[in-house]
Amino acid sequence: MTVKTCQSCGMPMESPAHHACGDEKSPYCVHCTTPNGVLKSREQIREQLIRFHMESLGMTREEAEEKTDEHMAKMPEWQEE
């Protein structure tokens, strides 16, 4: 079985519970969407990822912002056209 990753944040989505609204066809994870499956704003997702990096990796805010911005630039949803 192939594990999909969220097109917004890169989180592995290993089960339906990880997908927006439990829908395995959704390209986004439950963390990047509202309860009804709508993609959150780029800024909301950026802030969530900054907090995640600070809490899980012990980064300073500045380090987490830099890592998040580099990471999001690689995600399909946020690539510049």
PDB file of N, CA and C in Angstrom:
ATOM      1  N   MET A   1       0.837  -1.185   0.000  1.00  0.00           N
ATOM      2  CA  MET A   1       0.000   0.000   0.000  1.00  0.00           C
ATOM      3  C   MET A   1       0.884   1.251   0.000  1.00  0.00           C
ATOM      4  N   THR A   2       0.553   2.187  -0.847  1.00  0.00           N
ATOM      5  CA  THR A   2       1.290   3.437  -0.934  1.00  0.00           C
ATOM      6  C   THR A   2       0.715   4.438   0.062  1.00  0.00           C
ATOM      7  N   VAL A   3       1.583   5.059   0.828  1.00  0.00           N
ATOM      8  CA  VAL A   3       1.153   6.075   1.783  1.00  0.00           C
ATOM      9  C   VAL A   3       1.174   7.422   1.074  1.00  0.00           C
ATOM     10  N   LYS A   4       0.041   8.098   1.083  1.00  0.00           N
ATOM     11  CA  LYS A   4      -0.040   9.437   0.497  1.00  0.00           C
ATOM     12  C   LYS A   4       0.494  10.444   1.501  1.00  0.00           C
ATOM     13  N   THR A   5       0.945  11.577   0.984  1.00  0.00           N
ATOM     14  CA  THR A   5       1.363  12.662   1.861  1.00  0.00           C
ATOM     15  C   THR A   5       0.513  13.887   1.563  1.00  0.00           C
ATOM     16  N   CYS A   6       0.278  14.675   2.585  1.00  0.00           N
ATOM     17  CA  CYS A   6      -0.511  15.893   2.447  1.00  0.00           C
ATOM     18  C   CYS A   6       0.191  16.846   1.479  1.00  0.00           C
ATOM     19  N   GLN A   7      -0.554  17.371   0.524  1.00  0.00           N
ATOM     20  CA  GLN A   7      -0.006  18.287  -0.480  1.00  0.00           C
ATOM     21  C   GLN A   7       0.288  19.667   0.104  1.00  0.00           C
ATOM     22  N   SER A   8      -0.172  19.901   1.323  1.00  0.00           N
ATOM     23  CA  SER A   8       0.012  21.194   1.966  1.00  0.00           C
ATOM     24  C   SER A   8       1.168  21.195   2.965  1.00  0.00           C
ATOM     25  N   CYS A   9       1.265  20.113   3.778  1.00  0.00           N
ATOM     26  CA  CYS A   9       2.288  20.096   4.827  1.00  0.00           C
ATOM     27  C   CYS A   9       3.263  18.926   4.736  1.00  0.00           C
ATOM     28  N   GLY A  10       2.935  17.904   3.954  1.00  0.00           N
ATOM     29  CA  GLY A  10       3.822  16.761   3.801  1.00  0.00           C
ATOM     30  C   GLY A  10       3.612  15.644   4.804  1.00  0.00           C
ATOM     31  N   MET A  11       2.606  15.769   5.664  1.00  0.00           N
ATOM     32  CA  MET A  11       2.351  14.720   6.652  1.00  0.00           C
ATOM     33  C   MET A  11       1.964  13.414   5.959  1.00  0.00           C
ATOM     34  N   PRO A  12       2.550  12.279   6.383  1.00  0.00           N
ATOM     35  CA  PRO A  12       2.111  10.991   5.846  1.00  0.00           C
ATOM     36  C   PRO A  12       0.667  10.729   6.285  1.00  0.00           C
ATOM     37  N   MET A  13      -0.154  10.305   5.345  1.00  0.00           N
ATOM     38  CA  MET A  13      -1.558  10.013   5.651  1.00  0.00           C
ATOM     39  C   MET A  13      -1.747   8.504   5.493  1.00  0.00           C
ATOM     40  N   GLU A  14      -1.566   7.791   6.602  1.00  0.00           N
ATOM     41  CA  GLU A  14      -1.543   6.338   6.598  1.00  0.00           C
ATOM     42  C   GLU A  14      -2.907   5.691   6.745  1.00  0.00           C
ATOM     43  N   SER A  15      -3.895   6.450   7.174  1.00  0.00           N
ATOM     44  CA  SER A  15      -5.239   5.890   7.347  1.00  0.00           C
ATOM     45  C   SER A  15      -6.274   6.949   6.971  1.00  0.00           C
ATOM     46  N   PRO A  16      -7.525   6.534   6.751  1.00  0.00           N
ATOM     47  CA  PRO A  16      -8.568   7.514   6.423  1.00  0.00           C
ATOM     48  C   PRO A  16      -8.681   8.629   7.467  1.00  0.00           C
ATOM     49  N   ALA A  17      -8.409   8.320   8.726  1.00  0.00           N
ATOM     50  CA  ALA A  17      -8.512   9.326   9.790  1.00  0.00           C
ATOM     51  C   ALA A  17      -7.518  10.469   9.609  1.00  0.00           C
ATOM     52  N   HIS A  18      -6.453  10.236   8.864  1.00  0.00           N
ATOM     53  CA  HIS A  18      -5.454  11.282   8.628  1.00  0.00           C
ATOM     54  C   HIS A  18      -5.855  12.230   7.503  1.00  0.00           C
ATOM     55  N   HIS A  19      -6.778  11.802   6.654  1.00  0.00           N
ATOM     56  CA  HIS A  19      -7.235  12.612   5.520  1.00  0.00           C
ATOM     57  C   HIS A  19      -8.344  13.567   5.956  1.00  0.00           C
ATOM     58  N   ALA A  20      -8.465  14.685   5.273  1.00  0.00           N
ATOM     59  CA  ALA A  20      -9.555  15.635   5.538  1.00  0.00           C
ATOM     60  C   ALA A  20     -10.886  14.905   5.450  1.00  0.00           C
ATOM     61  N   CYS A  21     -11.718  15.053   6.438  1.00  0.00           N
ATOM     62  CA  CYS A  21     -13.058  14.448   6.509  1.00  0.00           C
ATOM     63  C   CYS A  21     -13.026  12.926   6.367  1.00  0.00           C
ATOM     64  N   GLY A  22     -11.889  12.300   6.614  1.00  0.00           N
ATOM     65  CA  GLY A  22     -11.784  10.855   6.486  1.00  0.00           C
ATOM     66  C   GLY A  22     -11.855  10.360   5.054  1.00  0.00           C
ATOM     67  N   ASP A  23     -11.753  11.276   4.099  1.00  0.00           N
ATOM     68  CA  ASP A  23     -11.862  10.957   2.674  1.00  0.00           C
ATOM     69  C   ASP A  23     -10.475  10.680   2.098  1.00  0.00           C
ATOM     70  N   GLU A  24     -10.204   9.420   1.781  1.00  0.00           N
ATOM     71  CA  GLU A  24      -8.887   9.041   1.270  1.00  0.00           C
ATOM     72  C   GLU A  24      -8.548   9.685  -0.071  1.00  0.00           C
ATOM     73  N   LYS A  25      -9.523  10.258  -0.740  1.00  0.00           N
ATOM     74  CA  LYS A  25      -9.270  10.948  -2.007  1.00  0.00           C
ATOM     75  C   LYS A  25      -8.799  12.385  -1.790  1.00  0.00           C
ATOM     76  N   SER A  26      -8.966  12.885  -0.573  1.00  0.00           N
ATOM     77  CA  SER A  26      -8.537  14.254  -0.282  1.00  0.00           C
ATOM     78  C   SER A  26      -7.013  14.335  -0.305  1.00  0.00           C
ATOM     79  N   PRO A  27      -6.456  15.348  -0.956  1.00  0.00           N
ATOM     80  CA  PRO A  27      -5.000  15.502  -0.989  1.00  0.00           C
ATOM     81  C   PRO A  27      -4.447  16.178   0.269  1.00  0.00           C
ATOM     82  N   TYR A  28      -5.336  16.531   1.206  1.00  0.00           N
ATOM     83  CA  TYR A  28      -4.920  17.260   2.401  1.00  0.00           C
ATOM     84  C   TYR A  28      -5.198  16.473   3.673  1.00  0.00           C
ATOM     85  N   CYS A  29      -4.376  16.720   4.688  1.00  0.00           N
ATOM     86  CA  CYS A  29      -4.548  16.040   5.972  1.00  0.00           C
ATOM     87  C   CYS A  29      -5.567  16.774   6.846  1.00  0.00           C
ATOM     88  N   VAL A  30      -5.931  16.104   7.902  1.00  0.00           N
ATOM     89  CA  VAL A  30      -6.913  16.643   8.839  1.00  0.00           C
ATOM     90  C   VAL A  30      -6.408  17.922   9.523  1.00  0.00           C
ATOM     91  N   HIS A  31      -5.095  18.079   9.639  1.00  0.00           N
ATOM     92  CA  HIS A  31      -4.528  19.261  10.303  1.00  0.00           C
ATOM     93  C   HIS A  31      -4.545  20.510   9.420  1.00  0.00           C
ATOM     94  N   CYS A  32      -4.557  20.312   8.105  1.00  0.00           N
ATOM     95  CA  CYS A  32      -4.507  21.439   7.165  1.00  0.00           C
ATOM     96  C   CYS A  32      -5.885  21.883   6.687  1.00  0.00           C
ATOM     97  N   THR A  33      -6.919  21.243   7.195  1.00  0.00           N
ATOM     98  CA  THR A  33      -8.272  21.563   6.755  1.00  0.00           C
ATOM     99  C   THR A  33      -9.180  21.875   7.936  1.00  0.00           C
ATOM    100  N   THR A  34     -10.271  22.542   7.626  1.00  0.00           N
ATOM    101  CA  THR A  34     -11.302  22.802   8.623  1.00  0.00           C
ATOM    102  C   THR A  34     -12.089  21.508   8.836  1.00  0.00           C
ATOM    103  N   PRO A  35     -12.941  21.443   9.858  1.00  0.00           N
ATOM    104  CA  PRO A  35     -13.728  20.227  10.084  1.00  0.00           C
ATOM    105  C   PRO A  35     -14.581  19.794   8.888  1.00  0.00           C
ATOM    106  N   ASN A  36     -14.939  20.735   8.005  1.00  0.00           N
ATOM    107  CA  ASN A  36     -15.740  20.353   6.834  1.00  0.00           C
ATOM    108  C   ASN A  36     -14.876  20.132   5.591  1.00  0.00           C
ATOM    109  N   GLY A  37     -13.543  20.045   5.764  1.00  0.00           N
ATOM    110  CA  GLY A  37     -12.649  19.667   4.676  1.00  0.00           C
ATOM    111  C   GLY A  37     -12.091  20.779   3.820  1.00  0.00           C
ATOM    112  N   VAL A  38     -12.327  22.030   4.188  1.00  0.00           N
ATOM    113  CA  VAL A  38     -11.815  23.168   3.411  1.00  0.00           C
ATOM    114  C   VAL A  38     -10.373  23.459   3.845  1.00  0.00           C
ATOM    115  N   LEU A  39      -9.496  23.638   2.868  1.00  0.00           N
ATOM    116  CA  LEU A  39      -8.098  23.937   3.160  1.00  0.00           C
ATOM    117  C   LEU A  39      -7.988  25.247   3.933  1.00  0.00           C
ATOM    118  N   LYS A  40      -7.225  25.224   5.027  1.00  0.00           N
ATOM    119  CA  LYS A  40      -6.979  26.435   5.804  1.00  0.00           C
ATOM    120  C   LYS A  40      -6.087  27.372   4.994  1.00  0.00           C
ATOM    121  N   SER A  41      -5.971  28.609   5.446  1.00  0.00           N
ATOM    122  CA  SER A  41      -5.128  29.576   4.743  1.00  0.00           C
ATOM    123  C   SER A  41      -3.656  29.202   4.897  1.00  0.00           C
ATOM    124  N   ARG A  42      -2.859  29.701   3.976  1.00  0.00           N
ATOM    125  CA  ARG A  42      -1.418  29.454   4.031  1.00  0.00           C
ATOM    126  C   ARG A  42      -0.855  29.922   5.369  1.00  0.00           C
ATOM    127  N   GLU A  43      -1.292  31.078   5.831  1.00  0.00           N
ATOM    128  CA  GLU A  43      -0.780  31.626   7.088  1.00  0.00           C
ATOM    129  C   GLU A  43      -1.160  30.747   8.284  1.00  0.00           C
ATOM    130  N   GLN A  44      -2.380  30.216   8.298  1.00  0.00           N
ATOM    131  CA  GLN A  44      -2.788  29.326   9.394  1.00  0.00           C
ATOM    132  C   GLN A  44      -1.924  28.071   9.419  1.00  0.00           C
ATOM    133  N   ILE A  45      -1.705  27.488   8.265  1.00  0.00           N
ATOM    134  CA  ILE A  45      -0.904  26.270   8.181  1.00  0.00           C
ATOM    135  C   ILE A  45       0.548  26.571   8.536  1.00  0.00           C
ATOM    136  N   ARG A  46       1.055  27.699   8.075  1.00  0.00           N
ATOM    137  CA  ARG A  46       2.429  28.106   8.405  1.00  0.00           C
ATOM    138  C   ARG A  46       2.604  28.206   9.914  1.00  0.00           C
ATOM    139  N   GLU A  47       1.651  28.850  10.583  1.00  0.00           N
ATOM    140  CA  GLU A  47       1.744  29.014  12.034  1.00  0.00           C
ATOM    141  C   GLU A  47       1.688  27.664  12.744  1.00  0.00           C
ATOM    142  N   GLN A  48       0.844  26.757  12.278  1.00  0.00           N
ATOM    143  CA  GLN A  48       0.764  25.416  12.867  1.00  0.00           C
ATOM    144  C   GLN A  48       2.098  24.687  12.728  1.00  0.00           C
ATOM    145  N   LEU A  49       2.711  24.791  11.554  1.00  0.00           N
ATOM    146  CA  LEU A  49       3.994  24.121  11.330  1.00  0.00           C
ATOM    147  C   LEU A  49       5.106  24.745  12.168  1.00  0.00           C
ATOM    148  N   ILE A  50       5.089  26.054  12.328  1.00  0.00           N
ATOM    149  CA  ILE A  50       6.085  26.720  13.175  1.00  0.00           C
ATOM    150  C   ILE A  50       5.967  26.193  14.601  1.00  0.00           C
ATOM    151  N   ARG A  51       4.743  26.147  15.121  1.00  0.00           N
ATOM    152  CA  ARG A  51       4.530  25.637  16.484  1.00  0.00           C
ATOM    153  C   ARG A  51       4.973  24.178  16.601  1.00  0.00           C
ATOM    154  N   PHE A  52       4.664  23.379  15.570  1.00  0.00           N
ATOM    155  CA  PHE A  52       5.060  21.971  15.568  1.00  0.00           C
ATOM    156  C   PHE A  52       6.581  21.843  15.651  1.00  0.00           C
ATOM    157  N   HIS A  53       7.303  22.601  14.838  1.00  0.00           N
ATOM    158  CA  HIS A  53       8.767  22.532  14.847  1.00  0.00           C
ATOM    159  C   HIS A  53       9.347  23.007  16.181  1.00  0.00           C
ATOM    160  N   MET A  54       8.764  24.029  16.759  1.00  0.00           N
ATOM    161  CA  MET A  54       9.254  24.526  18.044  1.00  0.00           C
ATOM    162  C   MET A  54       9.039  23.487  19.141  1.00  0.00           C
ATOM    163  N   GLU A  55       7.841  22.897  19.175  1.00  0.00           N
ATOM    164  CA  GLU A  55       7.505  21.953  20.239  1.00  0.00           C
ATOM    165  C   GLU A  55       8.177  20.596  20.061  1.00  0.00           C
ATOM    166  N   SER A  56       8.184  20.075  18.846  1.00  0.00           N
ATOM    167  CA  SER A  56       8.709  18.722  18.649  1.00  0.00           C
ATOM    168  C   SER A  56      10.223  18.676  18.455  1.00  0.00           C
ATOM    169  N   LEU A  57      10.799  19.736  17.916  1.00  0.00           N
ATOM    170  CA  LEU A  57      12.235  19.748  17.645  1.00  0.00           C
ATOM    171  C   LEU A  57      13.015  20.715  18.529  1.00  0.00           C
ATOM    172  N   GLY A  58      12.318  21.441  19.388  1.00  0.00           N
ATOM    173  CA  GLY A  58      12.978  22.360  20.305  1.00  0.00           C
ATOM    174  C   GLY A  58      13.646  23.548  19.635  1.00  0.00           C
ATOM    175  N   MET A  59      13.113  23.958  18.495  1.00  0.00           N
ATOM    176  CA  MET A  59      13.693  25.085  17.760  1.00  0.00           C
ATOM    177  C   MET A  59      13.242  26.411  18.350  1.00  0.00           C
ATOM    178  N   THR A  60      14.047  27.438  18.101  1.00  0.00           N
ATOM    179  CA  THR A  60      13.611  28.787  18.432  1.00  0.00           C
ATOM    180  C   THR A  60      12.562  29.195  17.394  1.00  0.00           C
ATOM    181  N   ARG A  61      11.849  30.258  17.657  1.00  0.00           N
ATOM    182  CA  ARG A  61      10.847  30.741  16.701  1.00  0.00           C
ATOM    183  C   ARG A  61      11.509  31.052  15.352  1.00  0.00           C
ATOM    184  N   GLU A  62      12.633  31.726  15.396  1.00  0.00           N
ATOM    185  CA  GLU A  62      13.329  32.098  14.160  1.00  0.00           C
ATOM    186  C   GLU A  62      13.745  30.857  13.363  1.00  0.00           C
ATOM    187  N   GLU A  63      14.307  29.867  14.038  1.00  0.00           N
ATOM    188  CA  GLU A  63      14.706  28.620  13.362  1.00  0.00           C
ATOM    189  C   GLU A  63      13.493  27.914  12.761  1.00  0.00           C
ATOM    190  N   ALA A  64      12.412  27.869  13.536  1.00  0.00           N
ATOM    191  CA  ALA A  64      11.196  27.197  13.076  1.00  0.00           C
ATOM    192  C   ALA A  64      10.578  27.916  11.878  1.00  0.00           C
ATOM    193  N   GLU A  65      10.606  29.236  11.884  1.00  0.00           N
ATOM    194  CA  GLU A  65      10.081  29.999  10.746  1.00  0.00           C
ATOM    195  C   GLU A  65      10.880  29.693   9.484  1.00  0.00           C
ATOM    196  N   GLU A  66      12.204  29.669   9.613  1.00  0.00           N
ATOM    197  CA  GLU A  66      13.058  29.397   8.457  1.00  0.00           C
ATOM    198  C   GLU A  66      12.807  27.984   7.919  1.00  0.00           C
ATOM    199  N   LYS A  67      12.766  27.002   8.804  1.00  0.00           N
ATOM    200  CA  LYS A  67      12.530  25.618   8.393  1.00  0.00           C
ATOM    201  C   LYS A  67      11.155  25.479   7.749  1.00  0.00           C
ATOM    202  N   THR A  68      10.150  26.097   8.338  1.00  0.00           N
ATOM    203  CA  THR A  68       8.789  26.022   7.811  1.00  0.00           C
ATOM    204  C   THR A  68       8.703  26.650   6.430  1.00  0.00           C
ATOM    205  N   ASP A  69       9.285  27.819   6.256  1.00  0.00           N
ATOM    206  CA  ASP A  69       9.233  28.491   4.954  1.00  0.00           C
ATOM    207  C   ASP A  69       9.935  27.669   3.872  1.00  0.00           C
ATOM    208  N   GLU A  70      11.075  27.076   4.213  1.00  0.00           N
ATOM    209  CA  GLU A  70      11.784  26.218   3.253  1.00  0.00           C
ATOM    210  C   GLU A  70      10.938  24.995   2.903  1.00  0.00           C
ATOM    211  N   HIS A  71      10.329  24.394   3.913  1.00  0.00           N
ATOM    212  CA  HIS A  71       9.510  23.194   3.721  1.00  0.00           C
ATOM    213  C   HIS A  71       8.263  23.502   2.888  1.00  0.00           C
ATOM    214  N   MET A  72       7.559  24.557   3.231  1.00  0.00           N
ATOM    215  CA  MET A  72       6.323  24.885   2.512  1.00  0.00           C
ATOM    216  C   MET A  72       6.591  25.228   1.050  1.00  0.00           C
ATOM    217  N   ALA A  73       7.739  25.807   0.756  1.00  0.00           N
ATOM    218  CA  ALA A  73       8.075  26.151  -0.629  1.00  0.00           C
ATOM    219  C   ALA A  73       8.181  24.906  -1.509  1.00  0.00           C
ATOM    220  N   LYS A  74       8.404  23.752  -0.886  1.00  0.00           N
ATOM    221  CA  LYS A  74       8.524  22.489  -1.620  1.00  0.00           C
ATOM    222  C   LYS A  74       7.193  21.753  -1.756  1.00  0.00           C
ATOM    223  N   MET A  75       6.193  22.168  -1.010  1.00  0.00           N
ATOM    224  CA  MET A  75       4.902  21.485  -1.031  1.00  0.00           C
ATOM    225  C   MET A  75       4.104  21.901  -2.265  1.00  0.00           C
ATOM    226  N   PRO A  76       3.498  20.936  -2.961  1.00  0.00           N
ATOM    227  CA  PRO A  76       2.757  21.244  -4.195  1.00  0.00           C
ATOM    228  C   PRO A  76       1.714  22.356  -4.045  1.00  0.00           C
ATOM    229  N   GLU A  77       1.015  22.389  -2.938  1.00  0.00           N
ATOM    230  CA  GLU A  77      -0.042  23.390  -2.757  1.00  0.00           C
ATOM    231  C   GLU A  77       0.503  24.811  -2.717  1.00  0.00           C
ATOM    232  N   TRP A  78       1.734  24.984  -2.260  1.00  0.00           N
ATOM    233  CA  TRP A  78       2.255  26.331  -2.015  1.00  0.00           C
ATOM    234  C   TRP A  78       3.359  26.750  -2.977  1.00  0.00           C
ATOM    235  N   GLN A  79       3.636  25.961  -3.984  1.00  0.00           N
ATOM    236  CA  GLN A  79       4.676  26.339  -4.936  1.00  0.00           C
ATOM    237  C   GLN A  79       4.222  27.534  -5.752  1.00  0.00           C
ATOM    238  N   GLU A  80       5.168  28.411  -6.002  1.00  0.00           N
ATOM    239  CA  GLU A  80       4.879  29.608  -6.798  1.00  0.00           C
ATOM    240  C   GLU A  80       4.618  29.206  -8.239  1.00  0.00           C
ATOM    241  N   GLU A  81       3.698  29.878  -8.859  1.00  0.00           N
ATOM    242  CA  GLU A  81       3.395  29.584 -10.264  1.00  0.00           C
ATOM    243  C   GLU A  81       4.270  30.394 -11.185  1.00  0.00           C
TER     244      GLU A  81
END
